[in-house]
Amino acid sequence: MSAVAWTAVGSLIVWMWLLLGQGFFWRTDQRLPARRDPARWPSVAVVVPARDEAELLPTSLPSLLAQDYPGDAEVYLVDDCSADGTGELARTLSERYGGLPLTVVTPGEPEPGWTGKLWALRHGMALARRRKPEFLLLTDADIAHEPDSLRELVAAAGPEGADGFDLVSQMARLRVTSTWERLVVPAFVYFFGQLYPFRRVNGKGSRTAAAAGGCVLLRAGAAERARIPESIRQAVIDDVSLARAVRRSGGRIWLGLAERVDSVRPGPRLADLWRTVARSAYAQLRHSPSLLAGTVLGLVLVYVVPPVTLGAGLLTGDPVAAVAGGAAWAVMAGTYMPMLGYYRQSLWLAPLLPFTAVLYLLMTVDSAVQHHRGVGAAWKGRTYARPAAAPEP
């Protein structure tokens, strides 16, 4: 066989392993576990870190204030040094809509060694703990919740102990409206699931740990055992670090796709999506050049080789290259279709996944370049260099 044919066969073998051996990552059936309502609804403190979110807050905050929760619940919004009146707007919205009690606090600039979001969470959680809540709901200021969201999350967590979860997280349904969002956003969740298969995350005794930072219900006792957020104070990818800390401390975690929790943050342009991915892609690789090189080679083998070898096989009359490349591309597209269905997008987008993968490859390389230029992970006017002592992977 030719070198092109061997490469195509290698890519097909990798795709067959991904199809069957990577926790069925491509399935989208991991939804909130169904449980009976508890006899007594535990108390919950909702903590919302917010930095310059005045544009989105009128959509997201009223959805939290309007939660139909049978137990005691209140909302703590942490205004992280916003310059657009986020804190004052939150108070105005609370007066206008009523609902759950709202407390707004402004902690000031983060101390050295803390990322902005985790510094905000630290102060919000410390304030909430004075009321001794049994659960903490950590949710972002761009996340809108249906009225029964909190009720369903708490019911899914179940009782404390072997039958319950210490952390329940939902991957909020991201906005998909523009052409670039259709190309990039479903693929983001698909790639995330490939790295952290939800079924493995949710399995008893599993070592795989991940969460989606936009919606994390955390048992207060588990947060204290895992020393959240102090133990992950430098983490740029705070949600995965949080889940790992909870799992290391003996907690049981669950992660799935949301039906009634949505992100309202727009990303209509490629530049918007590029910044969102590039700001943390190299941190995901632990700022390692060797992991970056391996990731680039892996993305090329898995996503670029199938269509290229199919085309080369057809042009040169190499049937093995054409068949193997085409089969690998077909498996790739087939595993992507469930995610497109979840996002209510045309299945005809599935064959375009190699193009989207190349975009993500370039975003990852750009993330590394920015880091080595001293820019690091940047978000809303703050830049985070590599941590002096990164959290344990």
Protein backbone atom coordinates (compact mmCIF):
# COMPACT_ATOMS: atom_id res chain seq x y z
CA MET A 1 0.00 0.00 0.00
CA SER A 2 1.03 3.59 -0.56
CA ALA A 3 1.96 5.98 2.25
CA VAL A 4 -1.28 7.86 1.62
CA ALA A 5 -3.27 4.64 1.98
CA TRP A 6 -1.49 3.72 5.23
CA THR A 7 -2.24 7.19 6.60
CA ALA A 8 -5.91 6.88 5.66
CA VAL A 9 -6.14 3.45 7.27
CA GLY A 10 -4.49 4.83 10.42
CA SER A 11 -7.07 7.62 10.61
CA LEU A 12 -9.90 5.13 10.13
CA ILE A 13 -8.57 2.94 12.94
CA VAL A 14 -8.46 5.98 15.24
CA TRP A 15 -12.06 6.84 14.33
CA MET A 16 -13.26 3.33 15.01
CA TRP A 17 -11.65 3.51 18.43
CA LEU A 18 -13.24 6.93 19.08
CA LEU A 19 -16.61 5.57 17.98
CA LEU A 20 -16.56 2.58 20.32
CA GLY A 21 -13.84 3.13 22.91
CA GLN A 22 -14.09 6.75 24.06
CA GLY A 23 -17.08 6.50 26.33
CA PHE A 24 -19.58 6.93 23.50
CA PHE A 25 -18.69 10.63 23.70
CA TRP A 26 -20.80 11.41 20.64
CA ARG A 27 -24.09 10.50 22.30
CA THR A 28 -26.22 13.34 23.65
CA ASP A 29 -28.44 11.43 26.08
CA GLN A 30 -26.77 12.47 29.33
CA ARG A 31 -29.54 14.62 30.84
CA LEU A 32 -30.46 15.39 34.46
CA PRO A 33 -31.19 12.19 36.40
CA ALA A 34 -34.87 11.82 37.25
CA ARG A 35 -35.50 11.56 41.00
CA ARG A 36 -38.40 12.02 43.36
CA ASP A 37 -38.78 15.40 45.02
CA PRO A 38 -37.11 15.45 48.45
CA ALA A 39 -39.27 15.43 51.55
CA ARG A 40 -37.58 18.68 52.57
CA TRP A 41 -36.09 21.05 50.03
CA PRO A 42 -32.57 22.12 51.12
CA SER A 43 -31.50 25.75 51.24
CA VAL A 44 -29.57 27.13 48.25
CA ALA A 45 -27.37 30.15 47.69
CA VAL A 46 -26.99 31.22 44.06
CA VAL A 47 -23.61 32.93 43.42
CA VAL A 48 -23.20 34.94 40.21
CA PRO A 49 -19.81 36.49 39.36
CA ALA A 50 -20.34 39.40 36.94
CA ARG A 51 -17.87 41.70 35.23
CA ASP A 52 -19.22 44.25 32.74
CA GLU A 53 -22.42 42.29 32.09
CA ALA A 54 -24.94 45.15 31.90
CA GLU A 55 -25.86 44.16 28.34
CA LEU A 56 -26.85 40.60 29.25
CA LEU A 57 -28.05 40.99 32.84
CA PRO A 58 -31.61 42.11 31.93
CA THR A 59 -32.11 38.70 30.32
CA SER A 60 -30.23 36.42 32.70
CA LEU A 61 -30.77 37.85 36.20
CA PRO A 62 -34.61 37.99 36.12
CA SER A 63 -34.59 34.28 35.22
CA LEU A 64 -32.74 33.54 38.47
CA LEU A 65 -34.91 35.82 40.57
CA ALA A 66 -38.00 34.08 39.18
CA GLN A 67 -36.96 30.57 40.22
CA ASP A 68 -39.90 28.50 41.42
CA TYR A 69 -38.06 26.80 44.27
CA PRO A 70 -39.97 25.34 47.26
CA GLY A 71 -37.11 25.80 49.73
CA ASP A 72 -35.09 28.78 50.93
CA ALA A 73 -33.00 30.36 48.17
CA GLU A 74 -31.31 33.69 47.61
CA VAL A 75 -29.04 35.23 44.99
CA TYR A 76 -25.61 36.81 45.54
CA LEU A 77 -24.29 38.80 42.60
CA VAL A 78 -20.60 39.68 42.84
CA ASP A 79 -19.83 42.82 40.85
CA ASP A 80 -16.24 42.20 39.75
CA CYS A 81 -15.06 45.79 39.31
CA SER A 82 -17.42 46.46 36.43
CA ALA A 83 -17.18 49.73 34.53
CA ASP A 84 -20.68 49.57 33.01
CA GLY A 85 -22.89 49.79 36.09
CA THR A 86 -23.49 46.05 36.43
CA GLY A 87 -24.02 46.17 40.19
CA GLU A 88 -26.46 49.08 40.15
CA LEU A 89 -28.38 47.51 37.27
CA ALA A 90 -28.69 44.27 39.25
CA ARG A 91 -30.28 46.16 42.15
CA THR A 92 -32.66 47.91 39.77
CA LEU A 93 -33.70 44.61 38.19
CA SER A 94 -34.31 43.11 41.63
CA GLU A 95 -36.58 46.02 42.58
CA ARG A 96 -38.43 45.74 39.27
CA TYR A 97 -38.97 41.98 39.15
CA GLY A 98 -38.92 40.91 42.79
CA GLY A 99 -38.61 37.18 43.38
CA LEU A 100 -35.68 35.67 45.25
CA PRO A 101 -33.76 38.03 47.57
CA LEU A 102 -30.71 39.60 45.91
CA THR A 103 -27.49 40.77 47.55
CA VAL A 104 -24.90 42.66 45.48
CA VAL A 105 -21.30 42.80 46.69
CA THR A 106 -18.16 44.34 45.17
CA PRO A 107 -14.93 42.73 46.44
CA GLY A 108 -12.40 44.92 44.60
CA GLU A 109 -9.53 43.83 42.38
CA PRO A 110 -8.26 40.27 42.88
CA GLU A 111 -5.21 39.61 45.00
CA PRO A 112 -2.09 38.23 43.28
CA GLY A 113 -2.48 34.54 42.50
CA TRP A 114 -6.24 34.70 41.90
CA THR A 115 -8.14 34.83 38.64
CA GLY A 116 -10.91 37.38 38.56
CA LYS A 117 -13.81 34.93 38.42
CA LEU A 118 -12.53 32.79 41.29
CA TRP A 119 -11.81 35.90 43.38
CA ALA A 120 -15.41 36.95 42.83
CA LEU A 121 -16.66 33.46 43.69
CA ARG A 122 -14.59 33.51 46.87
CA HIS A 123 -16.36 36.59 48.15
CA GLY A 124 -19.79 35.50 47.02
CA MET A 125 -19.41 32.08 48.60
CA ALA A 126 -18.02 33.55 51.83
CA LEU A 127 -21.02 35.86 52.08
CA ALA A 128 -23.44 33.04 51.33
CA ARG A 129 -21.87 30.71 53.89
CA ARG A 130 -22.93 33.02 56.70
CA ARG A 131 -26.46 31.74 56.07
CA LYS A 132 -25.20 28.13 56.05
CA PRO A 133 -26.83 26.99 52.79
CA GLU A 134 -26.81 23.30 51.99
CA PHE A 135 -26.14 23.88 48.30
CA LEU A 136 -24.38 26.52 46.22
CA LEU A 137 -25.43 27.18 42.63
CA LEU A 138 -22.52 28.75 40.78
CA THR A 139 -23.80 30.26 37.55
CA ASP A 140 -22.47 32.86 35.13
CA ALA A 141 -24.07 36.21 34.39
CA ASP A 142 -24.74 35.21 30.78
CA ILE A 143 -26.81 32.14 31.70
CA ALA A 144 -30.62 32.19 31.66
CA HIS A 145 -32.55 29.55 33.63
CA GLU A 146 -36.09 28.33 33.12
CA PRO A 147 -38.24 28.78 36.27
CA ASP A 148 -37.88 25.14 37.37
CA SER A 149 -34.13 24.90 36.73
CA LEU A 150 -33.03 25.14 40.36
CA ARG A 151 -35.72 22.72 41.50
CA GLU A 152 -34.59 20.14 38.92
CA LEU A 153 -30.90 20.55 39.77
CA VAL A 154 -31.46 20.03 43.49
CA ALA A 155 -33.74 17.04 42.90
CA ALA A 156 -31.11 15.50 40.59
CA ALA A 157 -28.41 15.90 43.24
CA GLY A 158 -30.39 13.64 45.54
CA PRO A 159 -29.65 12.93 49.19
CA GLU A 160 -26.21 13.36 50.68
CA GLY A 161 -24.28 10.12 50.68
CA ALA A 162 -23.63 7.23 48.34
CA ASP A 163 -26.81 7.71 46.32
CA GLY A 164 -26.40 11.44 45.79
CA PHE A 165 -24.12 13.74 43.82
CA ASP A 166 -21.88 16.37 45.38
CA LEU A 167 -21.66 18.29 42.12
CA VAL A 168 -24.27 18.49 39.37
CA SER A 169 -23.33 20.49 36.29
CA GLN A 170 -25.15 21.19 33.05
CA MET A 171 -23.55 22.33 29.82
CA ALA A 172 -25.80 25.29 29.00
CA ARG A 173 -27.15 25.32 25.47
CA LEU A 174 -25.01 27.93 23.75
CA ARG A 175 -26.42 30.49 21.34
CA VAL A 176 -26.46 29.36 17.70
CA THR A 177 -27.83 32.03 15.38
CA SER A 178 -25.17 33.36 13.00
CA THR A 179 -23.34 31.36 10.32
CA TRP A 180 -20.13 31.25 12.34
CA GLU A 181 -21.99 30.16 15.46
CA ARG A 182 -23.51 27.28 13.50
CA LEU A 183 -20.08 26.18 12.33
CA VAL A 184 -18.17 26.63 15.59
CA VAL A 185 -20.48 26.30 18.60
CA PRO A 186 -21.86 22.72 18.26
CA ALA A 187 -18.32 21.58 17.44
CA PHE A 188 -17.06 23.18 20.67
CA VAL A 189 -19.39 21.02 22.77
CA TYR A 190 -18.58 17.99 20.59
CA PHE A 191 -14.84 18.46 21.14
CA PHE A 192 -15.39 19.02 24.87
CA GLY A 193 -17.30 15.75 25.09
CA GLN A 194 -14.52 14.01 23.19
CA LEU A 195 -11.98 15.20 25.77
CA TYR A 196 -14.27 14.52 28.75
CA PRO A 197 -16.85 11.89 27.80
CA PHE A 198 -19.91 12.63 29.93
CA ARG A 199 -20.60 8.94 30.57
CA ARG A 200 -17.12 8.52 32.03
CA VAL A 201 -17.45 11.65 34.14
CA ASN A 202 -20.69 10.29 35.57
CA GLY A 203 -19.48 6.75 36.23
CA LYS A 204 -18.85 5.56 39.77
CA GLY A 205 -15.14 5.20 40.44
CA SER A 206 -14.22 7.08 37.28
CA ARG A 207 -11.08 9.23 37.25
CA THR A 208 -12.41 11.51 34.50
CA ALA A 209 -13.65 14.79 35.96
CA ALA A 210 -15.18 17.83 34.30
CA ALA A 211 -17.91 20.41 34.77
CA ALA A 212 -19.46 23.25 32.80
CA GLY A 213 -18.82 26.50 34.64
CA GLY A 214 -22.02 28.21 33.57
CA CYS A 215 -24.18 25.97 35.74
CA VAL A 216 -22.69 24.10 38.72
CA LEU A 217 -24.75 22.97 41.71
CA LEU A 218 -22.29 22.18 44.50
CA ARG A 219 -23.04 20.67 47.89
CA ALA A 220 -21.71 23.09 50.52
CA GLY A 221 -19.99 20.35 52.51
CA ALA A 222 -18.23 19.08 49.39
CA ALA A 223 -17.03 22.62 48.62
CA GLU A 224 -15.46 22.85 52.06
CA ARG A 225 -13.80 19.43 51.79
CA ALA A 226 -12.35 20.35 48.40
CA ARG A 227 -11.37 23.85 49.63
CA ILE A 228 -13.28 25.56 46.83
CA PRO A 229 -12.32 28.07 45.56
CA GLU A 230 -8.96 28.47 47.35
CA SER A 231 -7.54 25.21 46.00
CA ILE A 232 -8.14 26.28 42.39
CA ARG A 233 -7.60 30.03 42.75
CA GLN A 234 -5.15 30.25 39.81
CA ALA A 235 -7.16 28.12 37.39
CA VAL A 236 -8.06 29.70 34.05
CA ILE A 237 -10.23 26.69 33.16
CA ASP A 238 -11.99 26.87 36.50
CA ASP A 239 -14.86 24.47 35.82
CA VAL A 240 -12.71 21.43 35.03
CA SER A 241 -10.38 22.31 37.92
CA LEU A 242 -13.36 22.56 40.27
CA ALA A 243 -14.66 19.14 39.25
CA ARG A 244 -11.21 17.59 39.70
CA ALA A 245 -10.89 19.10 43.17
CA VAL A 246 -14.29 17.74 44.21
CA ARG A 247 -13.47 14.29 42.84
CA ARG A 248 -10.05 14.23 44.54
CA SER A 249 -11.74 14.99 47.86
CA GLY A 250 -14.01 11.97 47.46
CA GLY A 251 -17.04 13.67 45.95
CA ARG A 252 -19.27 12.22 43.27
CA ILE A 253 -19.98 14.37 40.22
CA TRP A 254 -22.40 14.44 37.30
CA LEU A 255 -22.21 16.35 34.01
CA GLY A 256 -24.71 16.49 31.16
CA LEU A 257 -26.39 18.59 28.51
CA ALA A 258 -29.02 21.13 29.49
CA GLU A 259 -32.56 21.42 28.21
CA ARG A 260 -33.68 24.43 30.24
CA VAL A 261 -30.45 26.37 30.83
CA ASP A 262 -29.23 28.64 28.01
CA SER A 263 -26.33 30.97 27.36
CA VAL A 264 -27.47 34.35 26.07
CA ARG A 265 -23.99 35.62 25.17
CA PRO A 266 -23.79 36.39 21.45
CA GLY A 267 -20.81 35.42 19.32
CA PRO A 268 -21.94 36.35 15.82
CA ARG A 269 -18.49 37.00 14.35
CA LEU A 270 -15.58 34.62 13.92
CA ALA A 271 -13.40 37.09 15.84
CA ASP A 272 -15.69 36.82 18.90
CA LEU A 273 -15.58 33.04 18.89
CA TRP A 274 -11.85 33.01 18.18
CA ARG A 275 -11.11 35.12 21.27
CA THR A 276 -13.31 32.93 23.45
CA VAL A 277 -11.52 29.73 22.43
CA ALA A 278 -7.98 31.12 22.17
CA ARG A 279 -8.00 32.71 25.62
CA SER A 280 -7.87 29.32 27.35
CA ALA A 281 -6.86 26.74 24.72
CA TYR A 282 -3.16 26.72 25.64
CA ALA A 283 -4.03 26.62 29.35
CA GLN A 284 -6.03 23.46 28.57
CA LEU A 285 -2.71 22.00 27.33
CA ARG A 286 -1.02 23.08 30.57
CA HIS A 287 1.18 25.51 28.59
CA SER A 288 3.18 22.56 27.27
CA PRO A 289 4.87 22.83 23.84
CA SER A 290 5.00 19.04 23.60
CA LEU A 291 1.25 18.73 24.29
CA LEU A 292 0.63 21.46 21.73
CA ALA A 293 2.64 19.59 19.11
CA GLY A 294 0.81 16.36 19.92
CA THR A 295 -2.55 18.12 19.72
CA VAL A 296 -1.76 19.60 16.31
CA LEU A 297 -0.63 16.23 14.94
CA GLY A 298 -3.65 14.53 16.45
CA LEU A 299 -6.10 17.02 14.96
CA VAL A 300 -4.47 16.65 11.56
CA LEU A 301 -4.59 12.84 11.68
CA VAL A 302 -8.15 12.65 12.98
CA TYR A 303 -9.87 15.49 11.13
CA VAL A 304 -7.74 16.60 8.16
CA VAL A 305 -6.44 13.27 6.86
CA PRO A 306 -9.84 11.69 5.99
CA PRO A 307 -11.00 14.25 3.37
CA VAL A 308 -7.46 14.79 2.06
CA THR A 309 -6.76 11.08 1.55
CA LEU A 310 -10.19 10.58 -0.01
CA GLY A 311 -9.42 13.30 -2.54
CA ALA A 312 -5.89 12.05 -3.14
CA GLY A 313 -7.10 8.48 -3.58
CA LEU A 314 -9.69 9.52 -6.14
CA LEU A 315 -7.18 11.66 -8.06
CA THR A 316 -4.39 9.07 -8.12
CA GLY A 317 -6.52 5.97 -8.50
CA ASP A 318 -5.61 4.61 -5.06
CA PRO A 319 -8.74 2.69 -3.96
CA VAL A 320 -7.47 1.85 -0.48
CA ALA A 321 -6.74 5.51 0.31
CA ALA A 322 -10.08 6.60 -1.12
CA VAL A 323 -12.14 3.96 0.69
CA ALA A 324 -10.35 4.30 4.04
CA GLY A 325 -10.37 8.12 3.90
CA GLY A 326 -14.03 8.20 2.90
CA ALA A 327 -14.99 5.72 5.62
CA ALA A 328 -13.14 7.74 8.28
CA TRP A 329 -14.87 10.93 7.10
CA ALA A 330 -18.24 9.16 7.21
CA VAL A 331 -17.67 7.95 10.79
CA MET A 332 -16.59 11.46 11.78
CA ALA A 333 -19.70 13.03 10.30
CA GLY A 334 -21.93 10.36 11.79
CA THR A 335 -20.64 10.96 15.31
CA TYR A 336 -21.20 14.70 14.89
CA MET A 337 -24.84 14.40 13.83
CA PRO A 338 -26.29 13.86 17.34
CA MET A 339 -24.74 17.13 18.52
CA LEU A 340 -26.10 18.97 15.49
CA GLY A 341 -29.49 17.48 16.30
CA TYR A 342 -29.24 18.68 19.90
CA TYR A 343 -28.57 22.20 18.60
CA ARG A 344 -31.38 21.87 16.04
CA GLN A 345 -29.00 22.46 13.15
CA SER A 346 -28.96 20.97 9.66
CA LEU A 347 -27.24 17.59 9.49
CA TRP A 348 -25.66 18.77 6.24
CA LEU A 349 -23.18 20.65 8.44
CA ALA A 350 -21.67 17.35 9.59
CA PRO A 351 -19.26 16.90 6.62
CA LEU A 352 -17.87 20.39 7.34
CA LEU A 353 -16.40 19.27 10.66
CA PRO A 354 -12.84 19.01 9.20
CA PHE A 355 -13.01 22.71 8.29
CA THR A 356 -14.15 23.60 11.81
CA ALA A 357 -11.40 21.42 13.29
CA VAL A 358 -8.80 23.37 11.30
CA LEU A 359 -10.22 26.57 12.78
CA TYR A 360 -9.85 25.15 16.29
CA LEU A 361 -6.30 24.04 15.45
CA LEU A 362 -5.43 27.60 14.41
CA MET A 363 -7.11 29.03 17.52
CA THR A 364 -5.04 26.70 19.70
CA VAL A 365 -1.80 27.66 17.99
CA ASP A 366 -2.72 31.34 18.31
CA SER A 367 -3.37 30.79 22.03
CA ALA A 368 0.16 29.41 22.42
CA VAL A 369 1.67 32.25 20.39
CA GLN A 370 -0.10 34.85 22.52
CA HIS A 371 1.13 33.15 25.67
CA HIS A 372 4.75 33.15 24.52
CA ARG A 373 4.40 36.80 23.55
CA GLY A 374 3.55 37.47 27.19
CA VAL A 375 -0.12 38.14 26.63
CA GLY A 376 -1.38 34.93 28.23
CA ALA A 377 -5.07 34.22 28.75
CA ALA A 378 -6.94 37.52 28.41
CA TRP A 379 -10.56 38.21 29.36
CA LYS A 380 -12.32 41.54 29.84
CA GLY A 381 -9.20 43.59 30.37
CA ARG A 382 -7.32 41.09 32.52
CA THR A 383 -4.44 38.88 31.42
CA TYR A 384 -3.37 35.72 33.22
CA ALA A 385 0.08 34.28 32.73
CA ARG A 386 0.96 30.69 33.43
CA PRO A 387 0.31 29.90 37.13
CA ALA A 388 3.39 29.54 39.31
CA ALA A 389 1.95 26.28 40.60
CA ALA A 390 -0.77 24.97 38.38
CA PRO A 391 -3.56 22.90 39.92
CA GLU A 392 -3.04 19.19 39.85
CA PRO A 393 -4.34 17.72 36.56
